[in-house]
Amino acid sequence: MNIFAEFNARIARVVQSFDLHTETGTVDLSRVTVEPPRDPSHGDLATNAAMVLAKPAKTNPRALAERLAEALKADPDVAAVDVAGPGFVNLRLNDTFWQARLGEILDAGTDY
């Protein structure tokens, strides 16, 4: 599993714990992405989760992003979480996260 898929799953678990109410009764996570931020100085990962989930949940994207950020701060692999703009969430991962994957990164080379 790559780190983007891994953190997408972690974010999905957090969002599901929020018990968001939508018209369908379920939260559609299919449009949630986790990817590198456009500007590397913003962190290691970025997610649009709050942006795509706010409208179906009838909530403010920035408020949902703040809630998501607070929950992600508890993740032991996350060093810092910042909300950017209208509700994007940027994550910076701990050095220990990267050190634990160093062998995998070296084995994969440029394919990582």
C-alpha atoms as a PDB file:
ATOM      1  CA  MET A   1       0.000   0.000   0.000  1.00  0.00           C
ATOM      2  CA  ASN A   2       1.361   3.430  -0.832  1.00  0.00           C
ATOM      3  CA  ILE A   3       1.204   6.298   1.655  1.00  0.00           C
ATOM      4  CA  PHE A   4      -1.570   8.069  -0.248  1.00  0.00           C
ATOM      5  CA  ALA A   5      -3.856   5.023  -0.074  1.00  0.00           C
ATOM      6  CA  GLU A   6      -2.847   4.435   3.547  1.00  0.00           C
ATOM      7  CA  PHE A   7      -3.747   7.971   4.595  1.00  0.00           C
ATOM      8  CA  ASN A   8      -6.889   7.948   2.478  1.00  0.00           C
ATOM      9  CA  ALA A   9      -8.008   4.957   4.559  1.00  0.00           C
ATOM     10  CA  ARG A  10      -7.053   6.724   7.815  1.00  0.00           C
ATOM     11  CA  ILE A  11      -8.973   9.842   6.785  1.00  0.00           C
ATOM     12  CA  ALA A  12     -11.971   7.723   5.779  1.00  0.00           C
ATOM     13  CA  ARG A  13     -12.033   6.142   9.258  1.00  0.00           C
ATOM     14  CA  VAL A  14     -11.920   9.580  10.880  1.00  0.00           C
ATOM     15  CA  VAL A  15     -14.696  10.937   8.651  1.00  0.00           C
ATOM     16  CA  GLN A  16     -16.872   7.894   9.312  1.00  0.00           C
ATOM     17  CA  SER A  17     -16.480   8.481  13.037  1.00  0.00           C
ATOM     18  CA  PHE A  18     -17.996  11.965  12.613  1.00  0.00           C
ATOM     19  CA  ASP A  19     -21.457  10.550  11.874  1.00  0.00           C
ATOM     20  CA  LEU A  20     -22.133  13.126   9.161  1.00  0.00           C
ATOM     21  CA  HIS A  21     -25.751  13.319   8.062  1.00  0.00           C
ATOM     22  CA  THR A  22     -26.414  13.377   4.336  1.00  0.00           C
ATOM     23  CA  GLU A  23     -29.561  13.052   2.252  1.00  0.00           C
ATOM     24  CA  THR A  24     -28.652   9.461   1.378  1.00  0.00           C
ATOM     25  CA  GLY A  25     -27.668   8.660   4.952  1.00  0.00           C
ATOM     26  CA  THR A  26     -24.180   7.601   3.942  1.00  0.00           C
ATOM     27  CA  VAL A  27     -21.004   9.542   3.286  1.00  0.00           C
ATOM     28  CA  ASP A  28     -19.625   9.070  -0.234  1.00  0.00           C
ATOM     29  CA  LEU A  29     -15.852   8.970   0.134  1.00  0.00           C
ATOM     30  CA  SER A  30     -15.175   8.217  -3.540  1.00  0.00           C
ATOM     31  CA  ARG A  31     -14.133  11.805  -4.349  1.00  0.00           C
ATOM     32  CA  VAL A  32     -11.795  12.170  -1.353  1.00  0.00           C
ATOM     33  CA  THR A  33      -8.182  12.351  -2.478  1.00  0.00           C
ATOM     34  CA  VAL A  34      -4.869  12.322  -0.666  1.00  0.00           C
ATOM     35  CA  GLU A  35      -1.944  13.578  -2.725  1.00  0.00           C
ATOM     36  CA  PRO A  36       1.200  15.668  -2.479  1.00  0.00           C
ATOM     37  CA  PRO A  37       0.402  19.338  -1.900  1.00  0.00           C
ATOM     38  CA  ARG A  38       1.051  21.674  -4.842  1.00  0.00           C
ATOM     39  CA  ASP A  39       3.650  23.506  -2.770  1.00  0.00           C
ATOM     40  CA  PRO A  40       5.989  21.079  -0.951  1.00  0.00           C
ATOM     41  CA  SER A  41       6.485  23.635   1.830  1.00  0.00           C
ATOM     42  CA  HIS A  42       2.861  22.979   2.869  1.00  0.00           C
ATOM     43  CA  GLY A  43       3.623  19.444   4.021  1.00  0.00           C
ATOM     44  CA  ASP A  44       3.896  15.857   2.849  1.00  0.00           C
ATOM     45  CA  LEU A  45       0.238  15.139   2.057  1.00  0.00           C
ATOM     46  CA  ALA A  46      -2.906  17.113   1.306  1.00  0.00           C
ATOM     47  CA  THR A  47      -6.548  16.060   1.278  1.00  0.00           C
ATOM     48  CA  ASN A  48      -9.695  17.570  -0.153  1.00  0.00           C
ATOM     49  CA  ALA A  49     -11.935  15.568   2.208  1.00  0.00           C
ATOM     50  CA  ALA A  50     -13.615  18.541   3.856  1.00  0.00           C
ATOM     51  CA  MET A  51     -14.126  20.285   0.527  1.00  0.00           C
ATOM     52  CA  VAL A  52     -15.962  17.381  -1.122  1.00  0.00           C
ATOM     53  CA  LEU A  53     -17.870  16.191   1.943  1.00  0.00           C
ATOM     54  CA  ALA A  54     -19.134  19.518   3.285  1.00  0.00           C
ATOM     55  CA  LYS A  55     -21.909  20.120   0.767  1.00  0.00           C
ATOM     56  CA  PRO A  56     -23.572  16.674   1.052  1.00  0.00           C
ATOM     57  CA  ALA A  57     -23.249  16.933   4.848  1.00  0.00           C
ATOM     58  CA  LYS A  58     -24.659  20.477   4.756  1.00  0.00           C
ATOM     59  CA  THR A  59     -21.801  21.914   6.757  1.00  0.00           C
ATOM     60  CA  ASN A  60     -19.121  24.555   6.284  1.00  0.00           C
ATOM     61  CA  PRO A  61     -16.021  23.096   4.568  1.00  0.00           C
ATOM     62  CA  ARG A  62     -13.619  25.107   6.714  1.00  0.00           C
ATOM     63  CA  ALA A  63     -15.362  23.970   9.916  1.00  0.00           C
ATOM     64  CA  LEU A  64     -15.272  20.356   8.744  1.00  0.00           C
ATOM     65  CA  ALA A  65     -11.581  20.744   7.854  1.00  0.00           C
ATOM     66  CA  GLU A  66     -10.832  22.100  11.352  1.00  0.00           C
ATOM     67  CA  ARG A  67     -12.624  19.125  12.869  1.00  0.00           C
ATOM     68  CA  LEU A  68     -10.733  16.718  10.625  1.00  0.00           C
ATOM     69  CA  ALA A  69      -7.427  18.434  11.448  1.00  0.00           C
ATOM     70  CA  GLU A  70      -8.056  18.087  15.185  1.00  0.00           C
ATOM     71  CA  ALA A  71      -8.754  14.373  14.797  1.00  0.00           C
ATOM     72  CA  LEU A  72      -5.691  13.795  12.610  1.00  0.00           C
ATOM     73  CA  LYS A  73      -3.430  15.474  15.180  1.00  0.00           C
ATOM     74  CA  ALA A  74      -3.995  12.390  17.331  1.00  0.00           C
ATOM     75  CA  ASP A  75      -2.452  10.126  14.659  1.00  0.00           C
ATOM     76  CA  PRO A  76       1.013   9.132  15.924  1.00  0.00           C
ATOM     77  CA  ASP A  77       2.483   9.380  12.406  1.00  0.00           C
ATOM     78  CA  VAL A  78       1.360  12.995  11.948  1.00  0.00           C
ATOM     79  CA  ALA A  79       3.699  15.756  13.079  1.00  0.00           C
ATOM     80  CA  ALA A  80       1.543  18.712  12.025  1.00  0.00           C
ATOM     81  CA  VAL A  81      -1.826  19.436  10.452  1.00  0.00           C
ATOM     82  CA  ASP A  82      -2.839  22.724   8.853  1.00  0.00           C
ATOM     83  CA  VAL A  83      -6.072  23.876   7.262  1.00  0.00           C
ATOM     84  CA  ALA A  84      -5.513  25.890   4.111  1.00  0.00           C
ATOM     85  CA  GLY A  85      -7.850  28.105   2.158  1.00  0.00           C
ATOM     86  CA  PRO A  86     -11.500  27.157   2.206  1.00  0.00           C
ATOM     87  CA  GLY A  87     -10.899  23.696   3.684  1.00  0.00           C
ATOM     88  CA  PHE A  88      -7.936  21.775   2.341  1.00  0.00           C
ATOM     89  CA  VAL A  89      -6.018  19.847   5.007  1.00  0.00           C
ATOM     90  CA  ASN A  90      -2.226  19.590   4.789  1.00  0.00           C
ATOM     91  CA  LEU A  91      -0.313  16.965   6.756  1.00  0.00           C
ATOM     92  CA  ARG A  92       3.334  16.792   7.700  1.00  0.00           C
ATOM     93  CA  LEU A  93       4.449  13.307   8.727  1.00  0.00           C
ATOM     94  CA  ASN A  94       6.829  12.457  11.565  1.00  0.00           C
ATOM     95  CA  ASP A  95      10.402  11.504  10.804  1.00  0.00           C
ATOM     96  CA  THR A  96       9.734   8.118  12.401  1.00  0.00           C
ATOM     97  CA  PHE A  97       7.066   7.432   9.774  1.00  0.00           C
ATOM     98  CA  TRP A  98       9.594   8.010   6.997  1.00  0.00           C
ATOM     99  CA  GLN A  99      12.366   6.114   8.784  1.00  0.00           C
ATOM    100  CA  ALA A 100      10.120   3.064   9.154  1.00  0.00           C
ATOM    101  CA  ARG A 101       9.577   3.074   5.378  1.00  0.00           C
ATOM    102  CA  LEU A 102      13.132   3.833   4.323  1.00  0.00           C
ATOM    103  CA  GLY A 103      13.808   0.279   3.139  1.00  0.00           C
ATOM    104  CA  GLU A 104      10.610   0.242   1.085  1.00  0.00           C
ATOM    105  CA  ILE A 105      11.492   3.621  -0.439  1.00  0.00           C
ATOM    106  CA  LEU A 106      15.029   2.514  -1.338  1.00  0.00           C
ATOM    107  CA  ASP A 107      13.803  -0.779  -2.819  1.00  0.00           C
ATOM    108  CA  ALA A 108      11.226   0.992  -4.988  1.00  0.00           C
ATOM    109  CA  GLY A 109      13.630   3.715  -6.126  1.00  0.00           C
ATOM    110  CA  THR A 110      12.023   6.167  -8.539  1.00  0.00           C
ATOM    111  CA  ASP A 111       8.850   4.055  -8.598  1.00  0.00           C
ATOM    112  CA  TYR A 112       8.096   5.162  -5.039  1.00  0.00           C
END
